[in-house]
C-alpha atoms as a PDB file:
ATOM      1  CA  MET A   1      19.941 -47.159 123.146  1.00  0.00           C
ATOM      2  CA  ASN A   2      16.726 -47.121 125.123  1.00  0.00           C
ATOM      3  CA  LEU A   3      15.788 -45.048 128.144  1.00  0.00           C
ATOM      4  CA  GLU A   4      16.677 -47.710 130.699  1.00  0.00           C
ATOM      5  CA  SER A   5      20.131 -48.395 129.239  1.00  0.00           C
ATOM      6  CA  LEU A   6      20.801 -44.619 129.060  1.00  0.00           C
ATOM      7  CA  ARG A   7      19.745 -44.342 132.690  1.00  0.00           C
ATOM      8  CA  GLU A   8      22.013 -47.185 133.778  1.00  0.00           C
ATOM      9  CA  TYR A   9      24.951 -45.723 131.870  1.00  0.00           C
ATOM     10  CA  CYS A  10      24.492 -42.232 133.295  1.00  0.00           C
ATOM     11  CA  LEU A  11      24.283 -43.610 136.852  1.00  0.00           C
ATOM     12  CA  SER A  12      27.468 -45.644 136.328  1.00  0.00           C
ATOM     13  CA  PHE A  13      29.577 -42.462 136.625  1.00  0.00           C
ATOM     14  CA  LYS A  14      31.162 -41.617 139.976  1.00  0.00           C
ATOM     15  CA  GLY A  15      28.898 -39.304 141.960  1.00  0.00           C
ATOM     16  CA  ALA A  16      26.069 -39.346 139.401  1.00  0.00           C
ATOM     17  CA  THR A  17      22.515 -38.851 140.640  1.00  0.00           C
ATOM     18  CA  GLU A  18      19.130 -38.678 139.008  1.00  0.00           C
ATOM     19  CA  ASP A  19      16.123 -36.455 139.593  1.00  0.00           C
ATOM     20  CA  ILE A  20      12.907 -35.576 137.801  1.00  0.00           C
ATOM     21  CA  LYS A  21      12.689 -31.888 137.017  1.00  0.00           C
ATOM     22  CA  TRP A  22       9.970 -29.836 135.377  1.00  0.00           C
ATOM     23  CA  GLY A  23       7.558 -32.747 135.827  1.00  0.00           C
ATOM     24  CA  HIS A  24       8.689 -34.745 132.795  1.00  0.00           C
ATOM     25  CA  ASP A  25      12.469 -34.662 132.434  1.00  0.00           C
ATOM     26  CA  LEU A  26      14.889 -37.173 133.934  1.00  0.00           C
ATOM     27  CA  CYS A  27      18.044 -35.236 134.836  1.00  0.00           C
ATOM     28  CA  PHE A  28      21.400 -36.825 135.545  1.00  0.00           C
ATOM     29  CA  CYS A  29      23.710 -34.702 137.656  1.00  0.00           C
ATOM     30  CA  ILE A  30      27.054 -34.600 139.368  1.00  0.00           C
ATOM     31  CA  ALA A  31      27.200 -32.400 142.476  1.00  0.00           C
ATOM     32  CA  GLY A  32      23.861 -30.905 141.479  1.00  0.00           C
ATOM     33  CA  LYS A  33      25.082 -29.938 137.983  1.00  0.00           C
ATOM     34  CA  MET A  34      23.284 -31.549 135.054  1.00  0.00           C
ATOM     35  CA  PHE A  35      25.193 -33.508 132.463  1.00  0.00           C
ATOM     36  CA  CYS A  36      22.338 -35.259 130.645  1.00  0.00           C
ATOM     37  CA  VAL A  37      18.596 -34.593 130.507  1.00  0.00           C
ATOM     38  CA  THR A  38      16.055 -36.824 128.781  1.00  0.00           C
ATOM     39  CA  HIS A  39      12.363 -36.359 128.286  1.00  0.00           C
ATOM     40  CA  LEU A  40      10.406 -39.189 129.928  1.00  0.00           C
ATOM     41  CA  GLU A  41       7.759 -39.332 127.228  1.00  0.00           C
ATOM     42  CA  LYS A  42       8.512 -40.759 123.819  1.00  0.00           C
ATOM     43  CA  PRO A  43      10.372 -39.968 121.630  1.00  0.00           C
ATOM     44  CA  HIS A  44      12.776 -39.341 124.572  1.00  0.00           C
ATOM     45  CA  SER A  45      14.532 -36.239 123.280  1.00  0.00           C
ATOM     46  CA  THR A  46      17.795 -35.932 125.155  1.00  0.00           C
ATOM     47  CA  SER A  47      20.170 -33.015 125.834  1.00  0.00           C
ATOM     48  CA  PHE A  48      23.831 -33.095 126.727  1.00  0.00           C
ATOM     49  CA  LYS A  49      26.856 -30.785 126.826  1.00  0.00           C
ATOM     50  CA  VAL A  50      29.446 -30.935 124.026  1.00  0.00           C
ATOM     51  CA  PRO A  51      32.888 -29.416 123.664  1.00  0.00           C
ATOM     52  CA  ASP A  52      32.783 -25.842 122.362  1.00  0.00           C
ATOM     53  CA  GLU A  53      34.501 -26.866 119.147  1.00  0.00           C
ATOM     54  CA  ASP A  54      31.854 -29.576 118.427  1.00  0.00           C
ATOM     55  CA  PHE A  55      28.767 -27.473 119.142  1.00  0.00           C
ATOM     56  CA  ASN A  56      28.095 -26.063 115.658  1.00  0.00           C
ATOM     57  CA  GLU A  57      28.639 -29.424 113.959  1.00  0.00           C
ATOM     58  CA  MET A  58      26.416 -31.301 116.425  1.00  0.00           C
ATOM     59  CA  SER A  59      23.713 -28.610 116.385  1.00  0.00           C
ATOM     60  CA  ASN A  60      23.439 -28.797 112.603  1.00  0.00           C
ATOM     61  CA  ARG A  61      23.463 -32.579 112.399  1.00  0.00           C
ATOM     62  CA  GLN A  62      20.221 -34.208 111.255  1.00  0.00           C
ATOM     63  CA  GLY A  63      18.079 -35.022 114.284  1.00  0.00           C
ATOM     64  CA  PHE A  64      19.844 -32.431 116.487  1.00  0.00           C
ATOM     65  CA  SER A  65      19.417 -28.826 117.399  1.00  0.00           C
ATOM     66  CA  PRO A  66      20.768 -26.358 119.973  1.00  0.00           C
ATOM     67  CA  ALA A  67      19.176 -27.295 123.313  1.00  0.00           C
ATOM     68  CA  PRO A  68      16.518 -24.820 124.456  1.00  0.00           C
ATOM     69  CA  TYR A  69      17.583 -22.627 127.371  1.00  0.00           C
ATOM     70  CA  VAL A  70      21.112 -24.071 127.595  1.00  0.00           C
ATOM     71  CA  ALA A  71      22.520 -23.803 124.055  1.00  0.00           C
ATOM     72  CA  ARG A  72      24.619 -20.850 125.161  1.00  0.00           C
ATOM     73  CA  HIS A  73      26.430 -23.310 127.432  1.00  0.00           C
ATOM     74  CA  LYS A  74      27.079 -25.609 124.429  1.00  0.00           C
ATOM     75  CA  TRP A  75      24.274 -28.122 124.997  1.00  0.00           C
ATOM     76  CA  VAL A  76      22.645 -29.926 122.089  1.00  0.00           C
ATOM     77  CA  LEU A  77      19.283 -31.674 121.859  1.00  0.00           C
ATOM     78  CA  ALA A  78      18.902 -35.076 120.170  1.00  0.00           C
ATOM     79  CA  GLU A  79      15.299 -35.373 119.025  1.00  0.00           C
ATOM     80  CA  ASP A  80      15.216 -39.111 119.647  1.00  0.00           C
ATOM     81  CA  LEU A  81      17.400 -41.815 121.237  1.00  0.00           C
ATOM     82  CA  SER A  82      17.749 -43.366 117.813  1.00  0.00           C
ATOM     83  CA  ALA A  83      19.722 -40.313 116.627  1.00  0.00           C
ATOM     84  CA  LEU A  84      22.970 -42.004 117.727  1.00  0.00           C
ATOM     85  CA  SER A  85      24.353 -45.502 118.018  1.00  0.00           C
ATOM     86  CA  ASP A  86      24.870 -46.956 121.503  1.00  0.00           C
ATOM     87  CA  LYS A  87      28.617 -46.370 121.117  1.00  0.00           C
ATOM     88  CA  GLU A  88      28.053 -42.721 120.146  1.00  0.00           C
ATOM     89  CA  TRP A  89      25.621 -42.185 123.057  1.00  0.00           C
ATOM     90  CA  LYS A  90      28.195 -43.549 125.487  1.00  0.00           C
ATOM     91  CA  GLN A  91      30.903 -41.343 124.024  1.00  0.00           C
ATOM     92  CA  HIS A  92      28.832 -38.148 124.142  1.00  0.00           C
ATOM     93  CA  VAL A  93      27.355 -38.779 127.597  1.00  0.00           C
ATOM     94  CA  LYS A  94      30.797 -39.537 128.998  1.00  0.00           C
ATOM     95  CA  THR A  95      32.192 -36.357 127.428  1.00  0.00           C
ATOM     96  CA  SER A  96      29.290 -34.318 128.860  1.00  0.00           C
ATOM     97  CA  TYR A  97      29.904 -35.808 132.319  1.00  0.00           C
ATOM     98  CA  GLU A  98      33.626 -35.018 132.068  1.00  0.00           C
ATOM     99  CA  LEU A  99      33.008 -31.417 130.876  1.00  0.00           C
ATOM    100  CA  VAL A 100      30.630 -30.762 133.779  1.00  0.00           C
ATOM    101  CA  ALA A 101      32.836 -32.513 136.352  1.00  0.00           C
ATOM    102  CA  ALA A 102      35.892 -30.518 135.216  1.00  0.00           C
ATOM    103  CA  LYS A 103      34.184 -27.272 136.180  1.00  0.00           C
ATOM    104  CA  LEU A 104      33.372 -28.382 139.737  1.00  0.00           C
ATOM    105  CA  PRO A 105      35.310 -26.771 142.567  1.00  0.00           C
ATOM    106  CA  ALA A 106      38.383 -28.739 143.692  1.00  0.00           C
ATOM    107  CA  LYS A 107      36.767 -29.368 147.097  1.00  0.00           C
ATOM    108  CA  GLU A 108      33.740 -30.962 145.430  1.00  0.00           C
ATOM    109  CA  LYS A 109      35.909 -33.087 143.110  1.00  0.00           C
ATOM    110  CA  LYS A 110      37.907 -34.346 146.099  1.00  0.00           C
ATOM    111  CA  LYS A 111      34.692 -35.159 147.994  1.00  0.00           C
ATOM    112  CA  LEU A 112      33.445 -37.175 145.001  1.00  0.00           C
ATOM    113  CA  GLY A 113      36.806 -38.812 144.362  1.00  0.00           C
ATOM    114  CA  ILE A 114      37.168 -37.534 140.853  1.00  0.00           C
END
Protein backbone atom coordinates (compact mmCIF):
# COMPACT_ATOMS: atom_id res chain seq x y z
CA MET A 1 0.00 0.00 0.00
CA ASN A 2 1.24 3.50 -0.71
CA LEU A 3 0.23 6.78 0.90
CA GLU A 4 -2.27 7.73 -1.80
CA SER A 5 -4.07 4.37 -1.75
CA LEU A 6 -4.20 4.49 2.07
CA ARG A 7 -5.65 7.99 1.84
CA GLU A 8 -8.30 6.94 -0.68
CA TYR A 9 -9.26 3.94 1.41
CA CYS A 10 -9.56 5.94 4.64
CA LEU A 11 -11.72 8.56 2.93
CA SER A 12 -14.02 5.87 1.51
CA PHE A 13 -15.60 5.37 4.95
CA LYS A 14 -18.86 7.13 5.73
CA GLY A 15 -18.19 10.46 7.45
CA ALA A 16 -14.40 10.20 7.16
CA THR A 17 -12.41 13.42 6.94
CA GLU A 18 -8.72 14.25 6.70
CA ASP A 19 -6.62 16.92 8.33
CA ILE A 20 -2.94 17.66 8.80
CA LYS A 21 -2.00 17.85 12.47
CA TRP A 22 1.29 18.60 14.19
CA GLY A 23 2.66 19.90 10.87
CA HIS A 24 3.54 16.52 9.39
CA ASP A 25 0.85 13.94 10.15
CA LEU A 26 -2.13 13.18 7.95
CA CYS A 27 -5.00 12.29 10.27
CA PHE A 28 -8.17 10.52 9.23
CA CYS A 29 -11.14 11.12 11.49
CA ILE A 30 -14.80 10.42 11.99
CA ALA A 31 -16.71 13.10 13.89
CA GLY A 32 -13.38 14.64 14.90
CA LYS A 33 -12.07 11.37 16.37
CA MET A 34 -8.95 9.93 14.75
CA PHE A 35 -8.95 6.39 13.40
CA CYS A 36 -5.72 6.44 11.36
CA VAL A 37 -2.67 8.73 11.42
CA THR A 38 0.21 8.56 8.96
CA HIS A 39 3.44 10.52 8.83
CA LEU A 40 3.69 12.48 5.59
CA GLU A 41 7.44 11.97 5.25
CA LYS A 42 8.89 8.62 4.29
CA PRO A 43 8.89 5.93 5.60
CA HIS A 44 5.23 6.86 6.33
CA SER A 45 4.89 5.35 9.78
CA THR A 46 1.20 4.85 10.47
CA SER A 47 -0.84 4.44 13.66
CA PHE A 48 -4.26 2.89 14.11
CA LYS A 49 -6.48 1.52 16.86
CA VAL A 50 -6.74 -2.24 17.41
CA PRO A 51 -9.09 -4.35 19.52
CA ASP A 52 -7.93 -4.66 23.12
CA GLU A 53 -7.29 -8.38 22.71
CA ASP A 54 -4.99 -7.81 19.69
CA PHE A 55 -2.91 -4.99 21.16
CA ASN A 56 -0.09 -7.03 22.74
CA GLU A 57 0.32 -9.26 19.70
CA MET A 58 0.36 -6.33 17.24
CA SER A 59 2.67 -4.24 19.45
CA ASN A 60 5.24 -7.03 19.58
CA ARG A 61 5.08 -7.88 15.89
CA GLN A 62 8.19 -7.06 13.86
CA GLY A 63 7.89 -3.55 12.42
CA PHE A 64 5.32 -2.47 15.04
CA SER A 65 5.34 -0.85 18.45
CA PRO A 66 2.85 0.72 20.84
CA ALA A 67 1.92 4.10 19.34
CA PRO A 68 3.45 7.05 21.21
CA TYR A 69 0.94 9.04 23.29
CA VAL A 70 -2.04 6.80 22.43
CA ALA A 71 -0.89 3.27 23.27
CA ARG A 72 -3.00 3.36 26.43
CA HIS A 73 -6.00 3.57 24.08
CA LYS A 74 -4.77 0.45 22.22
CA TRP A 75 -3.15 2.14 19.23
CA VAL A 76 -0.18 0.59 17.45
CA LEU A 77 2.45 2.14 15.18
CA ALA A 78 3.55 0.47 11.96
CA GLU A 79 7.03 1.72 11.16
CA ASP A 80 6.44 1.60 7.41
CA LEU A 81 3.56 1.04 5.00
CA SER A 82 5.33 -2.12 3.83
CA ALA A 83 4.75 -3.68 7.28
CA LEU A 84 1.43 -5.11 6.07
CA SER A 85 -0.07 -6.35 2.82
CA ASP A 86 -2.78 -4.25 1.16
CA LYS A 87 -5.39 -6.71 2.39
CA GLU A 88 -4.07 -6.47 5.97
CA TRP A 89 -3.99 -2.67 5.82
CA LYS A 90 -7.60 -2.59 4.70
CA GLN A 91 -8.63 -4.98 7.45
CA HIS A 92 -6.85 -3.06 10.22
CA VAL A 93 -7.93 0.40 9.05
CA LYS A 94 -11.54 -0.76 8.74
CA THR A 95 -11.39 -2.26 12.24
CA SER A 96 -9.91 0.97 13.61
CA TYR A 97 -12.68 3.01 11.95
CA GLU A 98 -15.33 0.69 13.37
CA LEU A 99 -13.85 0.80 16.89
CA VAL A 100 -13.78 4.59 16.90
CA ALA A 101 -17.23 4.92 15.30
CA ALA A 102 -18.73 2.53 17.85
CA LYS A 103 -17.80 4.92 20.68
CA LEU A 104 -19.48 7.94 19.11
CA PRO A 105 -22.64 9.23 20.77
CA ALA A 106 -25.87 7.89 19.24
CA LYS A 107 -26.80 11.39 18.04
CA GLU A 108 -23.51 11.65 16.11
CA LYS A 109 -23.91 8.17 14.62
CA LYS A 110 -27.40 9.03 13.43
CA LYS A 111 -26.18 12.31 11.92
CA LEU A 112 -23.47 10.41 10.01
CA GLY A 113 -25.80 7.59 9.02
CA ILE A 114 -23.78 4.85 10.66
